[in-house]
Amino acid sequence: MDIQAEINWIHQEIDKVKDPSFVEKLKHLLQSLHSTADETSIDYILILTMH
C-alpha cells in the first residue's frame, strides 16, 4: 500500500466536498484519533446522530 498515494486521494476527495455537515463530521473523526477510548466512543455516537 502506498500511503502517500492514499493521502493524496483523500486530499482530492476532500477538496470536492461542499457539505459543511460532512466536513464537521470528518473534523470530529480526525480529532478522535487523538482522544482516549471513552472520548472516541462518545464522538462516534455523536457523529452517527448528526444526520
N, C-alpha and C. Protein backbone atom coordinates (compact mmCIF):
# COMPACT_ATOMS: atom_id res chain seq x y z
N MET A 1 0.84 -1.17 0.00
CA MET A 1 0.00 0.00 0.00
C MET A 1 0.89 1.24 0.00
N ASP A 2 0.62 2.14 -0.90
CA ASP A 2 1.36 3.39 -0.99
C ASP A 2 0.61 4.44 -0.17
N ILE A 3 1.09 4.69 1.03
CA ILE A 3 0.38 5.59 1.95
C ILE A 3 0.29 7.00 1.38
N GLN A 4 1.33 7.47 0.70
CA GLN A 4 1.28 8.82 0.15
C GLN A 4 0.22 8.94 -0.94
N ALA A 5 0.08 7.90 -1.74
CA ALA A 5 -0.96 7.90 -2.78
C ALA A 5 -2.35 7.92 -2.13
N GLU A 6 -2.50 7.19 -1.03
CA GLU A 6 -3.78 7.19 -0.31
C GLU A 6 -4.09 8.58 0.25
N ILE A 7 -3.10 9.21 0.84
CA ILE A 7 -3.28 10.55 1.40
C ILE A 7 -3.63 11.54 0.30
N ASN A 8 -2.94 11.44 -0.82
CA ASN A 8 -3.24 12.34 -1.95
C ASN A 8 -4.67 12.15 -2.43
N TRP A 9 -5.13 10.91 -2.51
CA TRP A 9 -6.50 10.64 -2.94
C TRP A 9 -7.50 11.25 -1.96
N ILE A 10 -7.23 11.09 -0.66
CA ILE A 10 -8.10 11.65 0.36
C ILE A 10 -8.17 13.17 0.22
N HIS A 11 -7.03 13.80 0.01
CA HIS A 11 -7.00 15.26 -0.18
C HIS A 11 -7.86 15.66 -1.38
N GLN A 12 -7.73 14.95 -2.46
CA GLN A 12 -8.52 15.26 -3.67
C GLN A 12 -10.01 15.13 -3.40
N GLU A 13 -10.40 14.09 -2.69
CA GLU A 13 -11.81 13.88 -2.40
C GLU A 13 -12.36 14.93 -1.44
N ILE A 14 -11.56 15.29 -0.45
CA ILE A 14 -12.00 16.32 0.50
C ILE A 14 -12.20 17.66 -0.21
N ASP A 15 -11.35 17.95 -1.17
CA ASP A 15 -11.47 19.20 -1.92
C ASP A 15 -12.80 19.29 -2.67
N LYS A 16 -13.43 18.17 -2.95
CA LYS A 16 -14.70 18.14 -3.68
C LYS A 16 -15.91 18.33 -2.78
N VAL A 17 -15.73 18.18 -1.47
CA VAL A 17 -16.83 18.21 -0.52
C VAL A 17 -17.39 19.63 -0.39
N LYS A 18 -18.70 19.73 -0.48
CA LYS A 18 -19.38 21.03 -0.34
C LYS A 18 -20.33 21.06 0.86
N ASP A 19 -20.50 19.93 1.53
CA ASP A 19 -21.45 19.80 2.64
C ASP A 19 -20.76 20.14 3.97
N PRO A 20 -21.11 21.27 4.59
CA PRO A 20 -20.49 21.66 5.85
C PRO A 20 -20.69 20.62 6.97
N SER A 21 -21.81 19.94 6.95
CA SER A 21 -22.08 18.92 7.96
C SER A 21 -21.08 17.76 7.84
N PHE A 22 -20.79 17.37 6.61
CA PHE A 22 -19.82 16.29 6.41
C PHE A 22 -18.43 16.73 6.86
N VAL A 23 -18.08 17.96 6.56
CA VAL A 23 -16.76 18.48 6.96
C VAL A 23 -16.65 18.46 8.49
N GLU A 24 -17.71 18.84 9.16
CA GLU A 24 -17.71 18.84 10.63
C GLU A 24 -17.57 17.42 11.17
N LYS A 25 -18.27 16.47 10.57
CA LYS A 25 -18.15 15.06 10.99
C LYS A 25 -16.73 14.55 10.78
N LEU A 26 -16.16 14.88 9.65
CA LEU A 26 -14.79 14.45 9.35
C LEU A 26 -13.81 15.06 10.35
N LYS A 27 -14.02 16.32 10.65
CA LYS A 27 -13.17 17.00 11.63
C LYS A 27 -13.22 16.28 12.97
N HIS A 28 -14.44 15.95 13.43
CA HIS A 28 -14.58 15.24 14.70
C HIS A 28 -13.93 13.86 14.65
N LEU A 29 -14.06 13.20 13.54
CA LEU A 29 -13.44 11.88 13.38
C LEU A 29 -11.92 11.99 13.50
N LEU A 30 -11.33 12.95 12.82
CA LEU A 30 -9.88 13.13 12.88
C LEU A 30 -9.43 13.54 14.29
N GLN A 31 -10.21 14.38 14.94
CA GLN A 31 -9.87 14.76 16.31
C GLN A 31 -9.94 13.58 17.25
N SER A 32 -10.84 12.64 16.99
CA SER A 32 -11.00 11.48 17.86
C SER A 32 -9.79 10.55 17.80
N LEU A 33 -8.99 10.67 16.77
CA LEU A 33 -7.78 9.84 16.67
C LEU A 33 -6.81 10.15 17.79
N HIS A 34 -6.94 11.32 18.39
CA HIS A 34 -6.04 11.75 19.45
C HIS A 34 -6.71 11.71 20.82
N SER A 35 -7.84 11.06 20.91
CA SER A 35 -8.61 11.02 22.15
C SER A 35 -8.47 9.67 22.84
N THR A 36 -8.96 9.62 24.07
CA THR A 36 -9.00 8.36 24.79
C THR A 36 -10.10 7.48 24.21
N ALA A 37 -10.13 6.24 24.58
CA ALA A 37 -11.13 5.30 24.07
C ALA A 37 -12.55 5.76 24.45
N ASP A 38 -12.74 6.24 25.68
CA ASP A 38 -14.07 6.71 26.09
C ASP A 38 -14.51 7.92 25.28
N GLU A 39 -13.61 8.87 25.09
CA GLU A 39 -13.94 10.05 24.30
C GLU A 39 -14.26 9.66 22.86
N THR A 40 -13.50 8.71 22.32
CA THR A 40 -13.72 8.26 20.95
C THR A 40 -15.09 7.63 20.79
N SER A 41 -15.51 6.84 21.77
CA SER A 41 -16.83 6.21 21.70
C SER A 41 -17.93 7.26 21.71
N ILE A 42 -17.78 8.25 22.54
CA ILE A 42 -18.77 9.33 22.59
C ILE A 42 -18.80 10.09 21.28
N ASP A 43 -17.62 10.42 20.74
CA ASP A 43 -17.54 11.13 19.46
C ASP A 43 -18.20 10.31 18.35
N TYR A 44 -17.97 9.01 18.35
CA TYR A 44 -18.53 8.15 17.32
C TYR A 44 -20.06 8.18 17.38
N ILE A 45 -20.59 8.10 18.57
CA ILE A 45 -22.05 8.14 18.74
C ILE A 45 -22.59 9.49 18.25
N LEU A 46 -21.91 10.58 18.61
CA LEU A 46 -22.34 11.90 18.17
C LEU A 46 -22.30 12.02 16.66
N ILE A 47 -21.27 11.48 16.04
CA ILE A 47 -21.17 11.53 14.57
C ILE A 47 -22.34 10.79 13.94
N LEU A 48 -22.68 9.64 14.47
CA LEU A 48 -23.77 8.84 13.93
C LEU A 48 -25.12 9.56 14.06
N THR A 49 -25.25 10.37 15.08
CA THR A 49 -26.54 11.02 15.32
C THR A 49 -26.63 12.39 14.68
N MET A 50 -25.61 12.85 13.97
CA MET A 50 -25.61 14.19 13.38
C MET A 50 -26.27 14.25 12.01
N HIS A 51 -26.98 13.26 11.60
CA HIS A 51 -27.55 13.23 10.26
C HIS A 51 -28.48 14.35 10.04
